[in-house]
Amino acid sequence: MTPEEYAELDATGLAALLSKGEVSSDEARDAAVAAIDTVNPRLNAVVGERFDTPLEHAADGPFAGVPFAIKDLIVHAEGVPQRAGTRLLGAGVPMPADTHLMTRFRRAGLATLALTATPELGFNATTESVATGAVHNPWDTTRSPGGSSGGSAALVAARALPVAHANDGGGSIRIPAAACGLVGLKPSQGRTSPGPDYADPLLGMGVEFAVTRTVRDTAGLLDAVHGYEPGDRYLLPDPPRPYADEVAAGSRRLRVALWTTPFSGNGTVDPRCTAATEATARTLEGLGHAVEVAGPELDAAAFDDANLVAWTSFLADGVDVLGAALGVEPGSEHLEAATLACAAHGRTLTAGDLYAADRVFNATRRTVAAFHQQYDVILTPTMNVPNTPLGYLDQDDPSRDARGWYDHIFSTAGFTALSNVTGNPAISLPLGRTEEGWPVGVQVVAPYGDESTLIGLAADLERAMPWSGHRPPTS
């Protein structure tokens, strides 16, 4: 298998060849290694040294031998150092054990070859850090791949990997999927396990999964890794049938709410993002769905205030716990300016502030749930812009306080954080294209626990508005 042949296959297609013995796992690994080594000098997406051999994985899983990577944040593998995009962790701290999801990735047969870059502690909508430098978007290497899962997204978009781990606390799966032209599903809160290290990461907003190039890969991987682990806080019902079956079945007739005003109170929307969403709405109407302009009535200012509390308290706790464990007082030699500002703000918060934020989140969840009694899905742009220039979201900018940094991030991504607060599943699909050839992401949000509807509809859109023929210049 040549790297060029490998690059044409998604994870499902490659897994089928591996299962039949038409391609060996060594051939797949060698092709992936060659592909990664070809594009990474231009992308800077791999953290540290690529692994010489894949991490141990099952030989009989549904994706046995399929090359893979894990993001250098939250999910971790036994013995593999984690840096989390920060100088505070230096060359990395070896992890004592697998997280539950890492164990499931191994059980699925995924052959992990690398760690992928993240911004410092994941609080950015780009993937740039003082610790590891900037990751470049394969569609235009002067642009950001999005964040915070931009390292994974860049490698998958450049066809160096068919699939890679990603996580999402405010849009960090969907934002890089949009910027890099990928499928990015944020599952429902509790659909994948955050354990054993976390019960409710980021006050419940953090969710783990992956970025892919095809809807069938998203569905098949979710089938392989979703589910409850003992001690998890949430026990969601299993889907009525495998998610992979939804791809072929497609969607029933749905009531679709079209909404192009950011849920966050920050930023304006690029007309190209609005146009891509409206074109998708027309396609859905052509497929027989009922589309109306509508959106849930939310207090954007209260939402942003509460989200700021969640993020800065999470960063303060993370910084302080790491500092105590390492025996250092984190300062500017360890952390970027905006991280320090956010952690300092988080330390000023009280228990009353956290409970007040939780009350806003509760009201938000119930408002959106009531809205979904009238509409099956909500259709929005994924981002306010197709992408951002590298350097625009500078986390080491000392001029921004915590609120200024929060507003700066979400002025580019005002549609994604709502689903982290509500726990609803949301998917970004590469359904638009700019005059420069950049992808434009369109987001679909479904009710809590209903990934099945989301995947069926996404598969219909993939057939009606295919993106597989588009390849970035760096690939």
Protein backbone atom coordinates (compact mmCIF):
# COMPACT_ATOMS: atom_id res chain seq x y z
CA MET A 1 0.00 0.00 0.00
CA THR A 2 1.39 3.37 -1.01
CA PRO A 3 0.75 6.53 1.00
CA GLU A 4 -1.36 7.75 -1.93
CA GLU A 5 -3.56 4.65 -1.83
CA TYR A 6 -3.81 4.93 1.96
CA ALA A 7 -4.84 8.60 1.73
CA GLU A 8 -7.89 7.73 -0.37
CA LEU A 9 -9.38 5.49 2.33
CA ASP A 10 -11.47 6.46 5.32
CA ALA A 11 -11.20 4.39 8.51
CA THR A 12 -14.12 2.15 7.57
CA GLY A 13 -12.69 1.39 4.14
CA LEU A 14 -9.21 0.73 5.48
CA ALA A 15 -10.59 -1.48 8.26
CA ALA A 16 -12.39 -3.60 5.67
CA LEU A 17 -9.17 -4.17 3.71
CA LEU A 18 -7.29 -5.01 6.90
CA SER A 19 -10.01 -7.44 8.00
CA LYS A 20 -9.94 -9.24 4.66
CA GLY A 21 -6.15 -9.50 4.70
CA GLU A 22 -5.86 -7.44 1.52
CA VAL A 23 -3.66 -5.00 3.44
CA SER A 24 -1.50 -5.90 6.43
CA SER A 25 -1.32 -3.82 9.58
CA ASP A 26 2.37 -3.24 8.88
CA GLU A 27 1.55 -1.87 5.44
CA ALA A 28 -1.07 0.45 6.89
CA ARG A 29 1.34 1.60 9.57
CA ASP A 30 4.14 2.25 7.06
CA ALA A 31 1.83 4.22 4.80
CA ALA A 32 0.59 6.28 7.74
CA VAL A 33 4.12 6.95 8.96
CA ALA A 34 5.14 8.12 5.49
CA ALA A 35 2.06 10.30 5.25
CA ILE A 36 2.58 11.88 8.67
CA ASP A 37 6.25 12.50 7.96
CA THR A 38 5.35 14.12 4.64
CA VAL A 39 2.82 16.65 5.94
CA ASN A 40 3.86 17.31 9.53
CA PRO A 41 6.85 19.53 8.69
CA ARG A 42 4.33 21.91 7.10
CA LEU A 43 1.61 21.49 9.72
CA ASN A 44 3.42 21.09 13.07
CA ALA A 45 0.53 18.97 14.31
CA VAL A 46 2.44 16.21 16.13
CA VAL A 47 3.62 16.78 19.70
CA GLY A 48 7.03 15.32 20.51
CA GLU A 49 8.30 12.36 18.55
CA ARG A 50 5.97 10.21 16.50
CA PHE A 51 5.83 6.70 17.95
CA ASP A 52 8.06 4.19 16.17
CA THR A 53 5.45 1.50 16.68
CA PRO A 54 1.74 1.92 17.48
CA LEU A 55 0.56 1.69 21.05
CA GLU A 56 -0.81 -1.73 21.96
CA HIS A 57 -4.28 -2.38 20.53
CA ALA A 58 -6.71 -5.23 19.94
CA ALA A 59 -6.20 -7.30 16.83
CA ASP A 60 -9.90 -8.13 16.53
CA GLY A 61 -11.58 -4.76 17.03
CA PRO A 62 -13.76 -3.19 14.33
CA PHE A 63 -10.92 -0.78 13.43
CA ALA A 64 -8.04 -3.20 14.04
CA GLY A 65 -4.84 -1.75 12.62
CA VAL A 66 -6.32 1.60 11.54
CA PRO A 67 -3.78 4.38 12.26
CA PHE A 68 -4.86 6.86 14.91
CA ALA A 69 -3.64 9.65 17.19
CA ILE A 70 -4.73 11.04 20.54
CA LYS A 71 -4.91 14.71 21.40
CA ASP A 72 -2.47 15.78 24.10
CA LEU A 73 -5.23 16.74 26.54
CA ILE A 74 -7.55 14.87 28.96
CA VAL A 75 -7.50 11.40 27.33
CA HIS A 76 -4.19 9.71 27.99
CA ALA A 77 -2.37 6.40 27.61
CA GLU A 78 -0.37 4.56 30.22
CA GLY A 79 3.30 5.54 30.11
CA VAL A 80 2.84 8.24 27.47
CA PRO A 81 3.82 11.76 28.59
CA GLN A 82 1.14 14.45 28.48
CA ARG A 83 2.02 18.14 27.99
CA ALA A 84 -1.43 19.73 27.53
CA GLY A 85 0.10 22.48 25.40
CA THR A 86 1.79 24.14 28.38
CA ARG A 87 5.36 24.84 29.46
CA LEU A 88 4.22 24.08 33.00
CA LEU A 89 4.47 20.36 32.17
CA GLY A 90 7.79 20.68 30.38
CA ALA A 91 8.59 17.67 28.25
CA GLY A 92 5.52 15.94 29.62
CA VAL A 93 4.43 13.89 32.61
CA PRO A 94 4.10 10.13 31.91
CA MET A 95 0.57 9.00 32.66
CA PRO A 96 0.12 6.18 35.20
CA ALA A 97 -2.82 4.50 33.44
CA ASP A 98 -5.20 4.67 30.49
CA THR A 99 -8.34 6.72 30.72
CA HIS A 100 -11.49 4.69 30.08
CA LEU A 101 -11.90 6.08 26.58
CA MET A 102 -8.27 5.27 25.74
CA THR A 103 -8.97 1.68 26.76
CA ARG A 104 -11.96 1.68 24.42
CA PHE A 105 -9.89 3.14 21.58
CA ARG A 106 -7.42 0.28 22.08
CA ARG A 107 -10.25 -2.25 22.22
CA ALA A 108 -11.60 -0.91 18.94
CA GLY A 109 -8.22 -1.79 17.40
CA LEU A 110 -7.05 1.75 16.70
CA ALA A 111 -3.28 1.88 16.25
CA THR A 112 -2.11 5.07 17.97
CA LEU A 113 0.95 6.57 16.30
CA ALA A 114 1.20 10.07 17.77
CA LEU A 115 0.04 12.76 20.13
CA THR A 116 -1.53 15.81 18.50
CA ALA A 117 -1.15 19.44 19.51
CA THR A 118 -3.49 21.52 21.63
CA PRO A 119 -3.37 25.14 22.79
CA GLU A 120 -2.48 25.69 26.43
CA LEU A 121 -4.93 23.71 28.58
CA GLY A 122 -7.43 23.74 25.70
CA PHE A 123 -8.87 27.25 26.21
CA ASN A 124 -8.60 28.62 22.69
CA ALA A 125 -10.33 28.35 19.32
CA THR A 126 -7.00 27.96 17.57
CA THR A 127 -4.11 25.54 18.13
CA GLU A 128 -1.11 27.72 18.90
CA SER A 129 1.02 27.73 22.03
CA VAL A 130 4.33 29.02 23.30
CA ALA A 131 5.18 25.43 24.29
CA THR A 132 4.76 23.75 20.89
CA GLY A 133 4.21 26.52 18.33
CA ALA A 134 1.42 26.98 15.82
CA VAL A 135 -0.40 24.24 13.94
CA HIS A 136 -1.09 25.22 10.33
CA ASN A 137 -4.30 24.65 8.41
CA PRO A 138 -3.69 22.30 5.45
CA TRP A 139 -6.08 24.37 3.31
CA ASP A 140 -3.95 27.49 3.81
CA THR A 141 -0.89 27.31 6.03
CA THR A 142 -1.20 30.98 6.98
CA ARG A 143 -4.53 30.20 8.64
CA SER A 144 -5.51 28.49 11.88
CA PRO A 145 -6.82 24.89 11.89
CA GLY A 146 -9.19 25.87 14.68
CA GLY A 147 -8.96 24.63 18.21
CA SER A 148 -8.53 23.23 20.56
CA SER A 149 -8.33 19.94 18.61
CA GLY A 150 -6.50 21.55 15.69
CA GLY A 151 -3.58 19.12 15.68
CA SER A 152 -5.87 16.15 15.17
CA ALA A 153 -7.97 18.01 12.60
CA ALA A 154 -4.96 19.10 10.56
CA LEU A 155 -3.62 15.55 10.27
CA VAL A 156 -6.99 14.07 9.33
CA ALA A 157 -7.74 16.81 6.80
CA ALA A 158 -4.29 16.36 5.25
CA ARG A 159 -5.07 12.63 4.94
CA ALA A 160 -2.19 11.58 7.12
CA LEU A 161 -4.71 9.84 9.39
CA PRO A 162 -8.28 8.72 8.66
CA VAL A 163 -9.47 9.56 12.19
CA ALA A 164 -8.08 11.09 15.38
CA HIS A 165 -9.18 11.76 18.95
CA ALA A 166 -10.59 15.18 19.83
CA ASN A 167 -12.47 16.73 22.73
CA ASP A 168 -14.92 19.59 23.10
CA GLY A 169 -15.65 21.94 25.99
CA GLY A 170 -16.91 24.92 24.00
CA GLY A 171 -16.60 23.79 20.40
CA SER A 172 -13.17 22.18 20.28
CA ILE A 173 -14.26 19.26 18.08
CA ARG A 174 -16.62 21.27 15.86
CA ILE A 175 -14.49 24.40 15.38
CA PRO A 176 -11.45 22.58 13.92
CA ALA A 177 -13.76 20.30 11.93
CA ALA A 178 -15.25 23.42 10.35
CA ALA A 179 -11.90 25.10 9.72
CA CYS A 180 -10.35 21.94 8.26
CA GLY A 181 -13.31 20.53 6.30
CA LEU A 182 -14.11 17.50 8.47
CA VAL A 183 -16.97 15.77 10.23
CA GLY A 184 -16.91 16.76 13.89
CA LEU A 185 -19.45 15.22 16.26
CA LYS A 186 -19.68 16.35 19.86
CA PRO A 187 -21.69 13.53 21.45
CA SER A 188 -24.21 14.02 24.22
CA GLN A 189 -22.86 14.61 27.69
CA GLY A 190 -22.25 11.13 29.11
CA ARG A 191 -22.25 9.28 25.78
CA THR A 192 -18.51 8.68 26.12
CA SER A 193 -16.85 8.20 29.49
CA PRO A 194 -14.71 11.01 30.98
CA GLY A 195 -13.36 8.68 33.67
CA PRO A 196 -11.64 7.83 35.76
CA ASP A 197 -9.99 11.23 36.18
CA TYR A 198 -13.16 13.28 35.75
CA ALA A 199 -16.83 13.01 36.62
CA ASP A 200 -18.01 16.24 34.97
CA PRO A 201 -15.07 17.95 33.25
CA LEU A 202 -15.58 21.70 32.94
CA LEU A 203 -18.78 21.57 35.01
CA GLY A 204 -20.11 18.93 32.64
CA MET A 205 -19.34 20.75 29.40
CA GLY A 206 -16.32 18.67 28.34
CA VAL A 207 -16.97 15.70 26.03
CA GLU A 208 -14.53 13.30 24.34
CA PHE A 209 -14.70 11.82 20.85
CA ALA A 210 -12.99 12.33 17.47
CA VAL A 211 -12.76 14.04 14.08
CA THR A 212 -13.24 12.10 10.83
CA ARG A 213 -13.61 12.67 7.10
CA THR A 214 -16.85 10.71 6.64
CA VAL A 215 -20.13 10.30 8.48
CA ARG A 216 -19.84 6.51 8.39
CA ASP A 217 -16.52 6.72 10.28
CA THR A 218 -18.13 8.92 12.90
CA ALA A 219 -21.01 6.47 13.29
CA GLY A 220 -18.85 3.36 13.37
CA LEU A 221 -16.41 4.81 15.87
CA LEU A 222 -19.22 5.96 18.15
CA ASP A 223 -20.62 2.42 18.04
CA ALA A 224 -17.20 1.14 19.10
CA VAL A 225 -16.46 3.47 22.02
CA HIS A 226 -19.67 4.82 23.54
CA GLY A 227 -21.03 3.54 26.80
CA TYR A 228 -21.10 3.68 30.57
CA GLU A 229 -18.16 2.86 32.81
CA PRO A 230 -18.65 2.01 36.51
CA GLY A 231 -18.65 5.24 38.49
CA ASP A 232 -19.74 7.47 35.59
CA ARG A 233 -22.35 10.03 36.56
CA TYR A 234 -24.56 9.47 33.52
CA LEU A 235 -26.18 6.33 32.12
CA LEU A 236 -27.69 7.10 28.72
CA PRO A 237 -29.97 4.63 26.96
CA ASP A 238 -28.29 2.71 24.18
CA PRO A 239 -29.38 3.74 20.69
CA PRO A 240 -32.30 1.77 19.25
CA ARG A 241 -29.95 0.32 16.63
CA PRO A 242 -26.25 0.74 15.79
CA TYR A 243 -25.30 4.24 14.72
CA ALA A 244 -23.76 2.74 11.57
CA ASP A 245 -27.24 1.59 10.53
CA GLU A 246 -28.45 5.20 10.60
CA VAL A 247 -26.01 6.10 7.82
CA ALA A 248 -27.70 3.85 5.28
CA ALA A 249 -31.20 4.45 6.63
CA GLY A 250 -30.98 8.25 6.51
CA SER A 251 -33.41 10.54 8.21
CA ARG A 252 -37.14 10.67 8.68
CA ARG A 253 -38.90 13.93 7.83
CA LEU A 254 -37.75 16.51 10.37
CA ARG A 255 -38.79 19.92 11.65
CA VAL A 256 -35.68 22.06 11.19
CA ALA A 257 -35.06 25.41 12.90
CA LEU A 258 -32.72 27.62 10.87
CA TRP A 259 -30.84 30.10 13.06
CA THR A 260 -27.87 32.29 12.02
CA THR A 261 -27.60 34.60 15.04
CA PRO A 262 -24.86 33.56 17.53
CA PHE A 263 -26.13 32.11 20.80
CA SER A 264 -23.21 33.81 22.52
CA GLY A 265 -23.44 37.60 22.66
CA ASN A 266 -20.13 38.05 20.86
CA GLY A 267 -19.21 38.78 17.28
CA THR A 268 -20.81 39.16 13.88
CA VAL A 269 -21.23 36.40 11.31
CA ASP A 270 -19.31 36.28 8.03
CA PRO A 271 -21.85 36.31 5.16
CA ARG A 272 -20.19 33.21 3.70
CA CYS A 273 -21.02 31.23 6.85
CA THR A 274 -24.62 32.44 6.70
CA ALA A 275 -24.83 31.61 2.99
CA ALA A 276 -23.53 28.06 3.52
CA THR A 277 -26.11 27.47 6.26
CA GLU A 278 -28.96 28.85 4.15
CA ALA A 279 -27.87 26.71 1.19
CA THR A 280 -27.98 23.68 3.47
CA ALA A 281 -31.49 24.67 4.58
CA ARG A 282 -32.61 24.75 0.94
CA THR A 283 -31.12 21.31 0.39
CA LEU A 284 -33.00 20.02 3.43
CA GLU A 285 -36.24 21.47 2.08
CA GLY A 286 -35.52 19.68 -1.19
CA LEU A 287 -35.14 16.45 0.77
CA GLY A 288 -38.61 16.92 2.24
CA HIS A 289 -37.84 18.46 5.61
CA ALA A 290 -39.81 21.38 7.02
CA VAL A 291 -37.51 24.37 7.61
CA GLU A 292 -38.43 27.50 9.55
CA VAL A 293 -36.37 30.44 10.76
CA ALA A 294 -36.44 30.01 14.55
CA GLY A 295 -34.18 29.79 17.56
CA PRO A 296 -34.46 29.39 21.33
CA GLU A 297 -34.89 32.64 23.26
CA LEU A 298 -31.81 32.91 25.46
CA ASP A 299 -30.23 35.59 27.63
CA ALA A 300 -26.89 35.82 25.82
CA ALA A 301 -25.31 38.11 28.42
CA ALA A 302 -26.23 35.78 31.30
CA PHE A 303 -25.05 32.79 29.27
CA ASP A 304 -21.65 34.38 28.63
CA ASP A 305 -21.25 35.43 32.26
CA ALA A 306 -21.96 31.88 33.42
CA ASN A 307 -19.70 30.32 30.80
CA LEU A 308 -16.87 32.61 31.87
CA VAL A 309 -17.32 31.39 35.45
CA ALA A 310 -17.18 27.77 34.30
CA TRP A 311 -14.05 28.22 32.21
CA THR A 312 -12.04 30.37 34.60
CA SER A 313 -12.84 28.23 37.65
CA PHE A 314 -11.80 25.14 35.68
CA LEU A 315 -8.52 26.78 34.63
CA ALA A 316 -7.80 28.03 38.15
CA ASP A 317 -8.31 24.55 39.55
CA GLY A 318 -6.19 22.93 36.85
CA VAL A 319 -3.33 25.40 37.20
CA ASP A 320 -3.32 25.17 40.99
CA VAL A 321 -3.51 21.38 41.09
CA LEU A 322 -0.66 21.05 38.56
CA GLY A 323 1.42 23.66 40.35
CA ALA A 324 0.99 21.89 43.70
CA ALA A 325 1.80 18.49 42.19
CA LEU A 326 4.94 19.86 40.54
CA GLY A 327 5.97 21.96 43.52
CA VAL A 328 6.07 25.23 41.58
CA GLU A 329 4.27 28.57 41.71
CA PRO A 330 2.96 28.95 38.14
CA GLY A 331 4.02 32.24 36.58
CA SER A 332 4.75 33.79 33.20
CA GLU A 333 7.68 31.43 32.68
CA HIS A 334 5.21 28.52 32.86
CA LEU A 335 1.92 29.85 31.47
CA GLU A 336 0.67 32.19 28.76
CA ALA A 337 -0.71 35.60 29.69
CA ALA A 338 -4.39 34.85 29.05
CA THR A 339 -4.17 31.56 30.96
CA LEU A 340 -2.70 33.40 33.95
CA ALA A 341 -5.43 36.07 33.72
CA CYS A 342 -8.20 33.47 33.54
CA ALA A 343 -6.77 31.45 36.43
CA ALA A 344 -6.44 34.61 38.53
CA HIS A 345 -10.07 35.48 37.80
CA GLY A 346 -11.16 31.95 38.66
CA ARG A 347 -9.52 32.22 42.07
CA THR A 348 -11.70 35.24 42.91
CA LEU A 349 -14.92 33.29 42.42
CA THR A 350 -17.05 32.07 45.29
CA ALA A 351 -19.27 29.04 45.77
CA GLY A 352 -22.17 31.43 45.21
CA ASP A 353 -20.75 32.36 41.80
CA LEU A 354 -20.61 28.69 40.78
CA TYR A 355 -24.16 28.04 41.94
CA ALA A 356 -25.37 31.16 40.13
CA ALA A 357 -23.73 29.93 36.93
CA ASP A 358 -25.35 26.54 37.41
CA ARG A 359 -28.76 28.22 37.70
CA VAL A 360 -28.18 29.93 34.34
CA PHE A 361 -27.10 26.63 32.81
CA ASN A 362 -30.19 24.90 34.18
CA ALA A 363 -32.47 27.57 32.71
CA THR A 364 -30.60 27.32 29.40
CA ARG A 365 -30.95 23.54 29.23
CA ARG A 366 -34.67 23.70 29.94
CA THR A 367 -35.26 26.47 27.39
CA VAL A 368 -33.48 24.51 24.67
CA ALA A 369 -35.24 21.26 25.64
CA ALA A 370 -38.61 23.01 25.35
CA PHE A 371 -37.59 24.41 21.98
CA HIS A 372 -36.82 20.88 20.79
CA GLN A 373 -40.42 19.92 21.51
CA GLN A 374 -41.24 22.02 18.44
CA TYR A 375 -38.15 21.39 16.31
CA ASP A 376 -36.23 18.15 15.83
CA VAL A 377 -32.92 19.82 14.98
CA ILE A 378 -31.38 23.29 14.88
CA LEU A 379 -29.31 24.32 11.84
CA THR A 380 -26.63 27.00 12.34
CA PRO A 381 -23.20 28.02 11.08
CA THR A 382 -20.49 26.24 13.07
CA MET A 383 -18.29 29.32 13.35
CA ASN A 384 -18.78 33.05 12.88
CA VAL A 385 -15.97 32.94 10.30
CA PRO A 386 -14.57 30.24 8.00
CA ASN A 387 -11.27 30.34 9.91
CA THR A 388 -8.90 32.85 11.49
CA PRO A 389 -5.36 33.98 10.63
CA LEU A 390 -2.60 32.43 12.69
CA GLY A 391 -1.75 34.82 15.51
CA TYR A 392 -5.22 36.35 15.76
CA LEU A 393 -6.14 34.35 18.87
CA ASP A 394 -2.90 34.98 20.77
CA GLN A 395 -3.20 33.36 24.18
CA ASP A 396 0.01 35.05 25.30
CA ASP A 397 -1.38 38.56 24.73
CA PRO A 398 -0.94 40.43 28.04
CA SER A 399 -3.43 43.14 27.07
CA ARG A 400 -6.49 40.94 27.62
CA ASP A 401 -8.02 40.21 30.99
CA ALA A 402 -10.13 37.09 31.54
CA ARG A 403 -13.33 38.60 30.15
CA GLY A 404 -11.49 40.15 27.22
CA TRP A 405 -9.95 36.79 26.35
CA TYR A 406 -13.29 34.98 26.63
CA ASP A 407 -15.00 37.54 24.40
CA HIS A 408 -12.16 37.36 21.87
CA ILE A 409 -12.44 33.56 21.54
CA PHE A 410 -16.20 33.43 21.25
CA SER A 411 -16.37 36.33 18.79
CA THR A 412 -15.16 33.70 16.30
CA ALA A 413 -17.30 30.85 17.61
CA GLY A 414 -20.62 32.02 18.96
CA PHE A 415 -22.67 28.95 17.99
CA THR A 416 -20.88 26.02 19.61
CA ALA A 417 -20.78 26.56 23.39
CA LEU A 418 -24.55 26.30 23.82
CA SER A 419 -24.51 22.55 23.18
CA ASN A 420 -21.75 22.08 25.74
CA VAL A 421 -23.98 23.71 28.36
CA THR A 422 -27.12 21.78 27.37
CA GLY A 423 -25.29 18.49 26.78
CA ASN A 424 -26.98 18.08 23.38
CA PRO A 425 -25.21 16.29 20.54
CA ALA A 426 -24.04 18.59 17.75
CA ILE A 427 -22.20 17.92 14.51
CA SER A 428 -20.23 20.12 12.12
CA LEU A 429 -20.26 19.18 8.43
CA PRO A 430 -18.11 20.75 5.66
CA LEU A 431 -21.03 21.89 3.50
CA GLY A 432 -19.75 25.28 2.30
CA ARG A 433 -16.77 26.61 0.38
CA THR A 434 -15.24 30.08 0.14
CA GLU A 435 -13.81 31.78 -2.92
CA GLU A 436 -10.34 30.88 -1.59
CA GLY A 437 -11.35 27.22 -1.51
CA TRP A 438 -11.53 27.06 2.29
CA PRO A 439 -14.19 24.82 3.83
CA VAL A 440 -17.12 26.32 5.73
CA GLY A 441 -18.72 24.31 8.50
CA VAL A 442 -22.46 24.03 9.10
CA GLN A 443 -23.71 22.76 12.46
CA VAL A 444 -26.73 20.60 13.27
CA VAL A 445 -27.89 20.22 16.88
CA ALA A 446 -30.26 17.47 18.07
CA PRO A 447 -32.04 16.86 21.40
CA TYR A 448 -30.08 15.40 24.28
CA GLY A 449 -29.25 11.74 23.71
CA ASP A 450 -30.37 11.70 20.06
CA GLU A 451 -27.19 11.07 18.09
CA SER A 452 -29.19 8.69 15.88
CA THR A 453 -31.24 11.47 14.26
CA LEU A 454 -28.11 13.58 13.88
CA ILE A 455 -26.13 10.84 12.14
CA GLY A 456 -28.98 9.89 9.79
CA LEU A 457 -29.45 13.50 8.72
CA ALA A 458 -25.70 14.06 8.38
CA ALA A 459 -25.47 11.03 6.09
CA ASP A 460 -28.26 12.41 3.90
CA LEU A 461 -26.43 15.74 3.64
CA GLU A 462 -23.18 13.95 2.79
CA ARG A 463 -24.95 12.26 -0.11
CA ALA A 464 -26.74 15.42 -1.24
CA MET A 465 -23.82 17.85 -0.79
CA PRO A 466 -20.71 15.60 -1.03
CA TRP A 467 -17.34 16.88 0.12
CA SER A 468 -15.09 13.87 -0.49
CA GLY A 469 -13.73 15.31 -3.73
CA HIS A 470 -12.22 18.34 -2.00
CA ARG A 471 -8.62 17.99 -0.87
CA PRO A 472 -6.41 20.62 0.76
CA PRO A 473 -3.17 21.75 -0.91
CA THR A 474 -1.21 20.16 1.95
CA SER A 475 -2.17 16.50 1.82
